[in-house]
N, C-alpha and C. Protein backbone atom coordinates (compact mmCIF):
# COMPACT_ATOMS: atom_id res chain seq x y z
N MET A 1 -16.47 -13.19 -111.60
CA MET A 1 -15.44 -13.10 -112.64
C MET A 1 -14.65 -11.81 -112.45
N THR A 2 -13.35 -11.91 -112.61
CA THR A 2 -12.48 -10.75 -112.41
C THR A 2 -11.71 -10.44 -113.69
N ASN A 3 -11.32 -9.19 -113.83
CA ASN A 3 -10.54 -8.77 -115.01
C ASN A 3 -9.04 -8.83 -114.73
N ARG A 4 -8.64 -9.26 -113.54
CA ARG A 4 -7.22 -9.31 -113.19
C ARG A 4 -6.56 -10.57 -113.71
N GLY A 5 -5.27 -10.47 -114.00
CA GLY A 5 -4.50 -11.63 -114.45
C GLY A 5 -4.71 -11.91 -115.92
N GLY A 6 -3.81 -12.70 -116.47
CA GLY A 6 -3.91 -13.09 -117.87
C GLY A 6 -3.45 -11.99 -118.82
N LYS A 7 -3.50 -12.30 -120.08
CA LYS A 7 -3.05 -11.38 -121.12
C LYS A 7 -4.11 -10.31 -121.35
N ARG A 8 -3.66 -9.05 -121.43
CA ARG A 8 -4.57 -7.95 -121.72
C ARG A 8 -4.14 -7.29 -123.02
N GLU A 9 -5.05 -7.08 -123.88
CA GLU A 9 -4.78 -6.46 -125.18
C GLU A 9 -4.20 -5.06 -125.00
N GLY A 10 -3.06 -4.78 -125.64
CA GLY A 10 -2.45 -3.45 -125.60
C GLY A 10 -1.57 -3.21 -124.37
N ALA A 11 -1.48 -4.19 -123.46
CA ALA A 11 -0.67 -4.00 -122.25
C ALA A 11 0.78 -4.36 -122.52
N GLY A 12 1.67 -3.84 -121.68
CA GLY A 12 3.08 -4.19 -121.77
C GLY A 12 3.85 -3.32 -122.75
N ARG A 13 5.14 -3.60 -122.83
CA ARG A 13 6.02 -2.85 -123.73
C ARG A 13 5.70 -3.18 -125.18
N LYS A 14 5.70 -2.17 -126.00
CA LYS A 14 5.44 -2.37 -127.43
C LYS A 14 6.63 -3.07 -128.08
N ALA A 15 6.36 -4.01 -128.97
CA ALA A 15 7.43 -4.75 -129.66
C ALA A 15 8.36 -3.78 -130.35
N GLY A 16 9.66 -3.98 -130.14
CA GLY A 16 10.66 -3.14 -130.78
C GLY A 16 10.97 -1.86 -130.04
N SER A 17 10.36 -1.64 -128.87
CA SER A 17 10.61 -0.39 -128.15
C SER A 17 11.71 -0.51 -127.10
N GLY A 18 12.30 -1.70 -126.93
CA GLY A 18 13.37 -1.92 -125.96
C GLY A 18 14.68 -1.33 -126.44
N PRO A 19 15.74 -1.47 -125.64
CA PRO A 19 17.03 -0.87 -126.00
C PRO A 19 17.64 -1.45 -127.27
N HIS A 20 17.23 -2.64 -127.67
CA HIS A 20 17.79 -3.26 -128.88
C HIS A 20 16.91 -3.06 -130.10
N GLY A 21 15.71 -2.45 -129.91
CA GLY A 21 14.84 -2.16 -131.03
C GLY A 21 14.23 -3.37 -131.69
N GLU A 22 14.01 -4.43 -130.92
CA GLU A 22 13.41 -5.64 -131.47
C GLU A 22 12.57 -6.32 -130.40
N PRO A 23 11.70 -7.24 -130.80
CA PRO A 23 10.88 -7.95 -129.81
C PRO A 23 11.76 -8.74 -128.84
N THR A 24 11.23 -9.01 -127.65
CA THR A 24 11.97 -9.75 -126.64
C THR A 24 11.36 -11.13 -126.43
N THR A 25 12.10 -11.98 -125.72
CA THR A 25 11.62 -13.31 -125.42
C THR A 25 12.03 -13.67 -123.99
N THR A 26 11.32 -14.60 -123.39
CA THR A 26 11.66 -15.07 -122.05
C THR A 26 12.61 -16.24 -122.17
N MET A 27 13.61 -16.27 -121.28
CA MET A 27 14.57 -17.36 -121.29
C MET A 27 14.87 -17.75 -119.85
N ARG A 28 14.87 -19.05 -119.58
CA ARG A 28 15.19 -19.53 -118.24
C ARG A 28 16.68 -19.85 -118.17
N ILE A 29 17.30 -19.40 -117.10
CA ILE A 29 18.72 -19.67 -116.89
C ILE A 29 18.92 -20.20 -115.47
N PRO A 30 19.99 -20.96 -115.24
CA PRO A 30 20.26 -21.42 -113.87
C PRO A 30 20.54 -20.21 -112.97
N VAL A 31 20.03 -20.24 -111.77
CA VAL A 31 20.22 -19.14 -110.83
C VAL A 31 21.71 -18.86 -110.63
N SER A 32 22.52 -19.92 -110.60
CA SER A 32 23.96 -19.75 -110.36
C SER A 32 24.65 -18.99 -111.50
N GLN A 33 24.01 -18.91 -112.67
CA GLN A 33 24.63 -18.26 -113.82
C GLN A 33 24.09 -16.85 -114.07
N ARG A 34 23.18 -16.40 -113.22
CA ARG A 34 22.55 -15.09 -113.42
C ARG A 34 23.58 -13.97 -113.49
N GLU A 35 24.53 -13.95 -112.54
CA GLU A 35 25.53 -12.89 -112.50
C GLU A 35 26.46 -12.95 -113.72
N VAL A 36 26.85 -14.15 -114.12
CA VAL A 36 27.73 -14.31 -115.28
C VAL A 36 27.06 -13.76 -116.54
N ILE A 37 25.79 -14.12 -116.73
CA ILE A 37 25.06 -13.68 -117.92
C ILE A 37 24.80 -12.18 -117.85
N SER A 38 24.51 -11.67 -116.67
CA SER A 38 24.30 -10.24 -116.49
C SER A 38 25.57 -9.47 -116.84
N ASP A 39 26.73 -9.95 -116.37
CA ASP A 39 28.01 -9.30 -116.69
C ASP A 39 28.28 -9.33 -118.19
N PHE A 40 27.98 -10.46 -118.82
CA PHE A 40 28.17 -10.59 -120.27
C PHE A 40 27.32 -9.57 -121.01
N LEU A 41 26.04 -9.44 -120.61
CA LEU A 41 25.14 -8.50 -121.28
C LEU A 41 25.57 -7.06 -121.05
N LYS A 42 26.06 -6.75 -119.85
CA LYS A 42 26.56 -5.40 -119.58
C LYS A 42 27.75 -5.09 -120.48
N ALA A 43 28.66 -6.07 -120.61
CA ALA A 43 29.83 -5.88 -121.46
C ALA A 43 29.42 -5.64 -122.91
N ARG A 44 28.43 -6.39 -123.37
CA ARG A 44 27.94 -6.19 -124.75
C ARG A 44 27.33 -4.82 -124.90
N LYS A 45 26.59 -4.40 -123.89
CA LYS A 45 25.95 -3.08 -123.95
C LYS A 45 27.01 -2.00 -124.03
N GLN A 46 28.12 -2.18 -123.32
CA GLN A 46 29.20 -1.19 -123.35
C GLN A 46 30.07 -1.34 -124.60
N LYS A 47 29.69 -2.29 -125.44
CA LYS A 47 30.39 -2.56 -126.70
C LYS A 47 31.83 -2.99 -126.49
N ILE A 48 32.12 -3.54 -125.30
CA ILE A 48 33.46 -4.08 -125.07
C ILE A 48 33.66 -5.31 -125.95
N SER A 49 32.59 -6.10 -126.09
CA SER A 49 32.72 -7.34 -126.84
C SER A 49 33.05 -7.08 -128.30
N ALA A 50 32.74 -5.88 -128.79
CA ALA A 50 33.08 -5.56 -130.17
C ALA A 50 34.60 -5.50 -130.34
N THR A 51 35.31 -5.27 -129.23
CA THR A 51 36.77 -5.22 -129.30
C THR A 51 37.40 -6.52 -128.85
N GLN A 52 36.59 -7.57 -128.75
CA GLN A 52 37.12 -8.87 -128.31
C GLN A 52 38.24 -9.28 -129.24
N PRO A 53 39.35 -9.71 -128.69
CA PRO A 53 40.50 -9.99 -129.55
C PRO A 53 40.25 -11.12 -130.52
N ILE A 54 40.86 -10.98 -131.68
CA ILE A 54 40.78 -12.03 -132.68
C ILE A 54 41.48 -13.26 -132.12
N GLY A 55 40.90 -14.42 -132.35
CA GLY A 55 41.50 -15.64 -131.85
C GLY A 55 40.89 -16.12 -130.55
N THR A 56 39.93 -15.37 -130.00
CA THR A 56 39.27 -15.81 -128.79
C THR A 56 38.48 -17.07 -129.09
N LYS A 57 38.59 -18.05 -128.20
CA LYS A 57 37.87 -19.30 -128.37
C LYS A 57 37.01 -19.53 -127.14
N LEU A 58 35.75 -19.85 -127.34
CA LEU A 58 34.86 -20.13 -126.22
C LEU A 58 34.73 -21.64 -126.09
N PRO A 59 34.86 -22.17 -124.86
CA PRO A 59 34.65 -23.61 -124.69
C PRO A 59 33.20 -23.96 -124.91
N ALA A 60 32.93 -25.15 -125.35
CA ALA A 60 31.55 -25.59 -125.55
C ALA A 60 30.83 -25.58 -124.21
N LEU A 61 29.59 -25.09 -124.21
CA LEU A 61 28.82 -25.05 -122.97
C LEU A 61 28.41 -26.44 -122.53
N ASP A 62 28.24 -27.33 -123.50
CA ASP A 62 27.88 -28.71 -123.17
C ASP A 62 28.77 -29.63 -124.01
N PRO A 63 30.08 -29.62 -123.70
CA PRO A 63 31.00 -30.38 -124.56
C PRO A 63 30.80 -31.88 -124.41
N ALA A 64 31.08 -32.57 -125.49
CA ALA A 64 31.05 -34.02 -125.41
C ALA A 64 32.19 -34.43 -124.48
N LYS A 65 31.92 -35.32 -123.59
CA LYS A 65 32.93 -35.76 -122.63
C LYS A 65 33.97 -36.58 -123.37
N GLN A 66 35.21 -36.30 -123.10
CA GLN A 66 36.31 -37.06 -123.68
C GLN A 66 37.17 -37.54 -122.52
N TYR A 67 36.92 -38.75 -122.08
CA TYR A 67 37.64 -39.29 -120.93
C TYR A 67 38.95 -39.93 -121.37
N LEU A 68 40.02 -39.57 -120.68
CA LEU A 68 41.33 -40.11 -120.96
C LEU A 68 41.79 -40.92 -119.75
N PRO A 69 42.62 -41.95 -119.95
CA PRO A 69 43.06 -42.76 -118.80
C PRO A 69 43.97 -41.97 -117.87
N LEU A 70 43.78 -42.18 -116.56
CA LEU A 70 44.63 -41.59 -115.54
C LEU A 70 45.25 -42.74 -114.77
N PHE A 71 46.59 -42.85 -114.85
CA PHE A 71 47.28 -43.95 -114.17
C PHE A 71 47.39 -43.66 -112.69
N SER A 72 47.31 -44.71 -111.88
CA SER A 72 47.29 -44.55 -110.42
C SER A 72 48.66 -44.16 -109.86
N SER A 73 49.72 -44.56 -110.54
CA SER A 73 51.05 -44.21 -110.01
C SER A 73 51.46 -42.85 -110.55
N ARG A 74 52.29 -42.17 -109.76
CA ARG A 74 52.84 -40.89 -110.21
C ARG A 74 54.18 -41.16 -110.87
N ILE A 75 54.52 -40.32 -111.83
CA ILE A 75 55.79 -40.51 -112.53
C ILE A 75 56.81 -39.54 -111.96
N PRO A 76 57.96 -40.03 -111.53
CA PRO A 76 58.94 -39.12 -110.93
C PRO A 76 59.62 -38.27 -112.00
N ALA A 77 59.85 -37.02 -111.64
CA ALA A 77 60.59 -36.13 -112.53
C ALA A 77 62.07 -36.17 -112.17
N GLY A 78 62.41 -36.99 -111.18
CA GLY A 78 63.82 -37.13 -110.76
C GLY A 78 64.39 -38.42 -111.31
N PHE A 79 64.50 -39.45 -110.43
CA PHE A 79 65.09 -40.71 -110.83
C PHE A 79 64.03 -41.66 -111.38
N PRO A 80 64.37 -42.45 -112.38
CA PRO A 80 63.40 -43.38 -112.95
C PRO A 80 62.98 -44.45 -111.94
N SER A 81 61.74 -44.94 -112.10
CA SER A 81 61.26 -46.05 -111.28
C SER A 81 60.45 -46.97 -112.17
N PRO A 82 60.23 -48.23 -111.75
CA PRO A 82 59.45 -49.15 -112.58
C PRO A 82 58.05 -48.59 -112.83
N ALA A 83 57.58 -48.67 -114.06
CA ALA A 83 56.26 -48.13 -114.40
C ALA A 83 55.17 -49.06 -113.90
N ASP A 84 54.09 -48.47 -113.44
CA ASP A 84 52.90 -49.22 -113.01
C ASP A 84 51.83 -48.93 -114.05
N ASP A 85 51.37 -49.96 -114.74
CA ASP A 85 50.43 -49.72 -115.83
C ASP A 85 48.97 -49.83 -115.40
N HIS A 86 48.69 -49.67 -114.12
CA HIS A 86 47.32 -49.79 -113.62
C HIS A 86 46.56 -48.48 -113.84
N VAL A 87 45.47 -48.55 -114.58
CA VAL A 87 44.63 -47.38 -114.80
C VAL A 87 43.69 -47.23 -113.60
N GLU A 88 43.81 -46.10 -112.90
CA GLU A 88 43.02 -45.86 -111.70
C GLU A 88 41.66 -45.27 -112.03
N ASP A 89 41.63 -44.38 -112.98
CA ASP A 89 40.41 -43.61 -113.23
C ASP A 89 40.48 -43.06 -114.64
N ARG A 90 39.44 -42.37 -115.02
CA ARG A 90 39.43 -41.64 -116.28
C ARG A 90 39.05 -40.21 -115.97
N ILE A 91 39.70 -39.26 -116.64
CA ILE A 91 39.41 -37.86 -116.39
C ILE A 91 38.96 -37.19 -117.68
N ASP A 92 38.19 -36.13 -117.52
CA ASP A 92 37.77 -35.29 -118.63
C ASP A 92 38.52 -33.96 -118.47
N LEU A 93 39.26 -33.56 -119.48
CA LEU A 93 40.07 -32.34 -119.37
C LEU A 93 39.21 -31.10 -119.19
N ASN A 94 38.00 -31.10 -119.69
CA ASN A 94 37.10 -29.97 -119.44
C ASN A 94 36.86 -29.79 -117.94
N GLU A 95 36.65 -30.90 -117.25
CA GLU A 95 36.42 -30.82 -115.81
C GLU A 95 37.67 -30.41 -115.05
N GLU A 96 38.83 -30.77 -115.56
CA GLU A 96 40.09 -30.44 -114.90
C GLU A 96 40.50 -28.98 -115.14
N LEU A 97 40.23 -28.46 -116.33
CA LEU A 97 40.75 -27.15 -116.71
C LEU A 97 39.73 -26.01 -116.62
N ILE A 98 38.44 -26.34 -116.67
CA ILE A 98 37.42 -25.29 -116.74
C ILE A 98 36.51 -25.38 -115.53
N ARG A 99 36.54 -24.34 -114.71
CA ARG A 99 35.72 -24.32 -113.49
C ARG A 99 34.29 -23.86 -113.76
N ASN A 100 34.14 -22.86 -114.61
CA ASN A 100 32.83 -22.26 -114.86
C ASN A 100 32.66 -22.08 -116.38
N PRO A 101 32.19 -23.11 -117.09
CA PRO A 101 32.15 -23.05 -118.56
C PRO A 101 31.48 -21.81 -119.16
N PRO A 102 30.31 -21.36 -118.66
CA PRO A 102 29.70 -20.19 -119.30
C PRO A 102 30.52 -18.91 -119.18
N ALA A 103 31.42 -18.84 -118.20
CA ALA A 103 32.20 -17.62 -117.99
C ALA A 103 33.63 -17.77 -118.49
N THR A 104 33.92 -18.85 -119.20
CA THR A 104 35.30 -19.15 -119.58
C THR A 104 35.51 -19.00 -121.07
N PHE A 105 36.67 -18.45 -121.43
CA PHE A 105 37.07 -18.43 -122.83
C PHE A 105 38.56 -18.73 -122.90
N MET A 106 39.03 -19.04 -124.10
CA MET A 106 40.44 -19.33 -124.33
C MET A 106 40.95 -18.37 -125.39
N ILE A 107 42.20 -18.01 -125.26
CA ILE A 107 42.79 -17.12 -126.25
C ILE A 107 44.27 -17.44 -126.40
N ARG A 108 44.75 -17.28 -127.62
CA ARG A 108 46.17 -17.56 -127.89
C ARG A 108 46.99 -16.30 -127.59
N VAL A 109 48.11 -16.50 -126.91
CA VAL A 109 48.99 -15.40 -126.50
C VAL A 109 49.94 -15.05 -127.63
N GLU A 110 50.19 -13.75 -127.77
CA GLU A 110 51.19 -13.29 -128.74
C GLU A 110 52.20 -12.45 -127.99
N GLY A 111 53.46 -12.79 -128.08
CA GLY A 111 54.50 -12.02 -127.42
C GLY A 111 55.13 -12.77 -126.27
N SER A 112 56.17 -12.16 -125.69
CA SER A 112 56.99 -12.85 -124.68
C SER A 112 57.05 -12.11 -123.35
N SER A 113 56.10 -11.25 -123.07
CA SER A 113 56.18 -10.46 -121.84
C SER A 113 55.89 -11.27 -120.58
N MET A 114 55.39 -12.52 -120.71
CA MET A 114 55.00 -13.30 -119.53
C MET A 114 55.75 -14.63 -119.41
N ILE A 115 56.96 -14.71 -119.96
CA ILE A 115 57.67 -15.99 -119.98
C ILE A 115 58.03 -16.49 -118.58
N ASP A 116 58.28 -15.60 -117.63
CA ASP A 116 58.61 -16.06 -116.28
C ASP A 116 57.38 -16.57 -115.52
N ALA A 117 56.20 -16.37 -116.09
CA ALA A 117 54.97 -16.96 -115.54
C ALA A 117 54.61 -18.21 -116.32
N ASN A 118 55.57 -18.71 -117.13
CA ASN A 118 55.38 -19.90 -117.97
C ASN A 118 54.28 -19.70 -119.00
N ILE A 119 54.14 -18.50 -119.50
CA ILE A 119 53.21 -18.20 -120.59
C ILE A 119 54.07 -17.71 -121.76
N TYR A 120 54.08 -18.49 -122.84
CA TYR A 120 54.96 -18.22 -123.96
C TYR A 120 54.17 -17.83 -125.21
N ASP A 121 54.87 -17.22 -126.15
CA ASP A 121 54.28 -16.84 -127.42
C ASP A 121 53.63 -18.07 -128.07
N GLY A 122 52.37 -17.97 -128.43
CA GLY A 122 51.65 -19.06 -129.08
C GLY A 122 50.87 -19.95 -128.12
N ASP A 123 51.09 -19.80 -126.81
CA ASP A 123 50.33 -20.60 -125.83
C ASP A 123 48.85 -20.21 -125.84
N ILE A 124 48.02 -21.14 -125.40
CA ILE A 124 46.59 -20.84 -125.21
C ILE A 124 46.37 -20.70 -123.72
N ILE A 125 45.76 -19.58 -123.33
CA ILE A 125 45.43 -19.39 -121.92
C ILE A 125 43.94 -19.57 -121.73
N ILE A 126 43.57 -20.12 -120.56
CA ILE A 126 42.17 -20.30 -120.20
C ILE A 126 41.83 -19.20 -119.21
N VAL A 127 40.79 -18.43 -119.51
CA VAL A 127 40.45 -17.24 -118.74
C VAL A 127 39.03 -17.38 -118.19
N ASP A 128 38.87 -17.16 -116.89
CA ASP A 128 37.56 -17.26 -116.24
C ASP A 128 37.11 -15.85 -115.85
N ARG A 129 35.99 -15.41 -116.44
CA ARG A 129 35.47 -14.07 -116.17
C ARG A 129 34.70 -14.00 -114.86
N SER A 130 34.38 -15.15 -114.25
CA SER A 130 33.59 -15.12 -113.02
C SER A 130 34.45 -14.94 -111.77
N ILE A 131 35.78 -15.03 -111.91
CA ILE A 131 36.68 -14.86 -110.76
C ILE A 131 36.99 -13.38 -110.61
N GLU A 132 36.83 -12.88 -109.40
CA GLU A 132 37.17 -11.48 -109.14
C GLU A 132 38.68 -11.35 -109.05
N ALA A 133 39.23 -10.46 -109.86
CA ALA A 133 40.69 -10.30 -109.92
C ALA A 133 41.22 -9.70 -108.62
N SER A 134 42.35 -10.22 -108.15
CA SER A 134 42.98 -9.68 -106.95
C SER A 134 44.48 -9.58 -107.16
N ASP A 135 45.13 -8.90 -106.23
CA ASP A 135 46.57 -8.66 -106.31
C ASP A 135 47.34 -9.97 -106.52
N GLY A 136 48.24 -9.96 -107.48
CA GLY A 136 49.11 -11.12 -107.71
C GLY A 136 48.60 -12.09 -108.77
N GLN A 137 47.35 -11.95 -109.20
CA GLN A 137 46.83 -12.87 -110.21
C GLN A 137 47.21 -12.42 -111.61
N VAL A 138 47.34 -13.39 -112.51
CA VAL A 138 47.56 -13.08 -113.93
C VAL A 138 46.19 -12.87 -114.54
N ILE A 139 46.01 -11.75 -115.23
CA ILE A 139 44.70 -11.39 -115.78
C ILE A 139 44.80 -11.04 -117.26
N VAL A 140 43.66 -11.09 -117.92
CA VAL A 140 43.52 -10.51 -119.25
C VAL A 140 42.76 -9.21 -119.05
N ALA A 141 43.31 -8.13 -119.58
CA ALA A 141 42.72 -6.82 -119.35
C ALA A 141 42.67 -6.03 -120.65
N VAL A 142 41.80 -5.02 -120.65
CA VAL A 142 41.74 -4.07 -121.76
C VAL A 142 42.26 -2.76 -121.20
N VAL A 143 43.33 -2.24 -121.81
CA VAL A 143 43.92 -0.97 -121.41
C VAL A 143 43.90 -0.05 -122.62
N ASP A 144 43.18 1.05 -122.49
CA ASP A 144 43.06 2.00 -123.61
C ASP A 144 42.63 1.30 -124.89
N GLY A 145 41.68 0.37 -124.77
CA GLY A 145 41.11 -0.29 -125.94
C GLY A 145 41.92 -1.46 -126.47
N LYS A 146 43.05 -1.80 -125.83
CA LYS A 146 43.89 -2.90 -126.31
C LYS A 146 43.96 -4.00 -125.25
N PHE A 147 43.97 -5.25 -125.71
CA PHE A 147 44.03 -6.39 -124.81
C PHE A 147 45.47 -6.70 -124.43
N THR A 148 45.64 -7.17 -123.19
CA THR A 148 46.96 -7.58 -122.72
C THR A 148 46.80 -8.64 -121.64
N VAL A 149 47.83 -9.44 -121.45
CA VAL A 149 47.87 -10.39 -120.34
C VAL A 149 49.07 -10.00 -119.48
N LYS A 150 48.79 -9.74 -118.18
CA LYS A 150 49.84 -9.29 -117.26
C LYS A 150 49.47 -9.73 -115.84
N ARG A 151 50.41 -9.57 -114.91
CA ARG A 151 50.15 -9.84 -113.50
C ARG A 151 49.63 -8.56 -112.85
N LEU A 152 48.50 -8.66 -112.15
CA LEU A 152 47.88 -7.52 -111.49
C LEU A 152 48.60 -7.22 -110.18
N SER A 153 48.96 -5.96 -110.00
CA SER A 153 49.59 -5.52 -108.75
C SER A 153 48.76 -4.38 -108.17
N ILE A 154 48.30 -4.58 -106.93
CA ILE A 154 47.56 -3.54 -106.23
C ILE A 154 48.31 -3.29 -104.92
N SER A 155 48.92 -2.11 -104.81
CA SER A 155 49.73 -1.81 -103.63
C SER A 155 49.61 -0.33 -103.29
N ARG A 156 49.25 -0.06 -102.05
CA ARG A 156 49.11 1.31 -101.56
C ARG A 156 48.23 2.17 -102.46
N GLY A 157 47.12 1.59 -102.88
CA GLY A 157 46.17 2.33 -103.71
C GLY A 157 46.59 2.49 -105.16
N LYS A 158 47.72 1.90 -105.53
CA LYS A 158 48.23 1.98 -106.90
C LYS A 158 47.96 0.68 -107.62
N VAL A 159 47.41 0.77 -108.82
CA VAL A 159 47.15 -0.41 -109.64
C VAL A 159 48.15 -0.41 -110.79
N ARG A 160 48.83 -1.55 -110.96
CA ARG A 160 49.77 -1.69 -112.06
C ARG A 160 49.60 -3.06 -112.69
N LEU A 161 49.98 -3.17 -113.95
CA LEU A 161 50.03 -4.45 -114.65
C LEU A 161 51.49 -4.74 -114.93
N LEU A 162 51.96 -5.88 -114.40
CA LEU A 162 53.39 -6.18 -114.46
C LEU A 162 53.71 -7.26 -115.48
N PRO A 163 54.72 -7.03 -116.31
CA PRO A 163 55.20 -8.10 -117.19
C PRO A 163 56.01 -9.08 -116.37
N GLU A 164 56.22 -10.26 -116.91
CA GLU A 164 57.04 -11.28 -116.25
C GLU A 164 58.16 -11.68 -117.21
N ASN A 165 59.00 -10.71 -117.52
CA ASN A 165 60.14 -10.93 -118.40
C ASN A 165 61.21 -9.93 -117.98
N PRO A 166 62.42 -10.40 -117.65
CA PRO A 166 63.46 -9.48 -117.18
C PRO A 166 63.97 -8.51 -118.24
N ASP A 167 63.65 -8.74 -119.50
CA ASP A 167 64.09 -7.85 -120.57
C ASP A 167 63.52 -6.45 -120.33
N PRO A 168 64.38 -5.41 -120.30
CA PRO A 168 63.91 -4.06 -119.99
C PRO A 168 62.94 -3.45 -121.01
N THR A 169 62.79 -4.10 -122.16
CA THR A 169 61.81 -3.56 -123.12
C THR A 169 60.38 -3.78 -122.63
N TYR A 170 60.19 -4.69 -121.68
CA TYR A 170 58.85 -4.94 -121.12
C TYR A 170 58.72 -4.17 -119.81
N GLN A 171 57.95 -3.11 -119.83
CA GLN A 171 57.79 -2.23 -118.68
C GLN A 171 56.41 -2.39 -118.06
N PRO A 172 56.29 -2.16 -116.74
CA PRO A 172 54.98 -2.20 -116.10
C PRO A 172 54.05 -1.14 -116.69
N ILE A 173 52.77 -1.43 -116.67
CA ILE A 173 51.77 -0.45 -117.10
C ILE A 173 51.25 0.21 -115.83
N GLU A 174 51.51 1.49 -115.70
CA GLU A 174 51.05 2.25 -114.54
C GLU A 174 49.93 3.17 -115.00
N PHE A 175 48.87 3.23 -114.20
CA PHE A 175 47.69 3.97 -114.62
C PHE A 175 47.71 5.40 -114.13
N LYS A 176 47.38 6.29 -115.07
CA LYS A 176 47.30 7.71 -114.77
C LYS A 176 45.83 8.11 -114.78
N ASP A 177 45.53 9.30 -114.30
CA ASP A 177 44.14 9.78 -114.30
C ASP A 177 43.58 9.74 -115.71
N GLY A 178 42.37 9.22 -115.81
CA GLY A 178 41.69 9.16 -117.10
C GLY A 178 41.92 7.87 -117.86
N GLN A 179 42.95 7.10 -117.48
CA GLN A 179 43.19 5.82 -118.13
C GLN A 179 42.21 4.79 -117.59
N GLU A 180 41.70 3.95 -118.47
CA GLU A 180 40.71 2.97 -118.07
C GLU A 180 41.29 1.57 -118.13
N LEU A 181 41.03 0.81 -117.06
CA LEU A 181 41.42 -0.60 -117.00
C LEU A 181 40.14 -1.42 -116.91
N ILE A 182 39.96 -2.34 -117.84
CA ILE A 182 38.82 -3.26 -117.80
C ILE A 182 39.39 -4.67 -117.67
N VAL A 183 39.07 -5.32 -116.57
CA VAL A 183 39.54 -6.69 -116.36
C VAL A 183 38.57 -7.64 -117.06
N TRP A 184 39.09 -8.42 -118.00
CA TRP A 184 38.27 -9.37 -118.74
C TRP A 184 38.19 -10.72 -118.06
N GLY A 185 39.15 -11.03 -117.21
CA GLY A 185 39.10 -12.30 -116.51
C GLY A 185 40.45 -12.68 -115.95
N VAL A 186 40.43 -13.74 -115.14
CA VAL A 186 41.63 -14.24 -114.49
C VAL A 186 42.10 -15.49 -115.23
N VAL A 187 43.39 -15.55 -115.50
CA VAL A 187 43.98 -16.72 -116.18
C VAL A 187 44.05 -17.86 -115.17
N THR A 188 43.44 -18.99 -115.53
CA THR A 188 43.44 -20.14 -114.61
C THR A 188 44.39 -21.25 -115.06
N ASN A 189 44.60 -21.38 -116.35
CA ASN A 189 45.48 -22.45 -116.86
C ASN A 189 46.15 -21.99 -118.15
N VAL A 190 47.25 -22.64 -118.45
CA VAL A 190 47.99 -22.38 -119.69
C VAL A 190 48.16 -23.71 -120.41
N ILE A 191 47.94 -23.69 -121.71
CA ILE A 191 48.18 -24.88 -122.54
C ILE A 191 49.32 -24.56 -123.47
N HIS A 192 50.42 -25.30 -123.31
CA HIS A 192 51.51 -25.09 -124.26
C HIS A 192 52.24 -26.42 -124.50
N PRO A 193 52.82 -26.53 -125.68
CA PRO A 193 53.52 -27.78 -126.01
C PRO A 193 54.83 -27.88 -125.27
N VAL A 194 55.26 -29.10 -125.02
CA VAL A 194 56.57 -29.33 -124.42
C VAL A 194 57.60 -29.18 -125.54
N LYS A 195 58.62 -28.42 -125.29
CA LYS A 195 59.62 -28.15 -126.34
C LYS A 195 60.90 -28.89 -126.05
């Protein structure tokens, strides 16, 4: 008989002695989601999530599928053609718009600084936190504690956030020493009504 293995009285971390001051629990997660969840927990620890903008919407992690008909013919945006009413398939908009549900959130845009990127006041943008931001992408970022949506520009070691509106009241955000940029995610889709 050996004393190794199994539960030992008094062993391990004392309940409530962790960084959150409360007992812990074991949770199984998919290996593919480990980094996403780790990033989320780091953000919470840094209290970034406390500044999460009002109006943020998280997609359901296990949404009910809502399949809509997809017609096999394409509709021309030029000259009219006879309509083909043959339904080829059914699609779920969650599958079309959301690549990584646990890392995705939606938020409504306020303002007109991104109209040339087809992002208008009142639109809902879909943001994926698992995509690493790179030059030229539209991102949601926190600058000096405030949220913004802009195009990321990285050129010759300089990082800037560019508006997409020719109006001179919208100026690029250029970073100086001591200014902090936190990228919250990359914009993957925009939902807006046809006007």
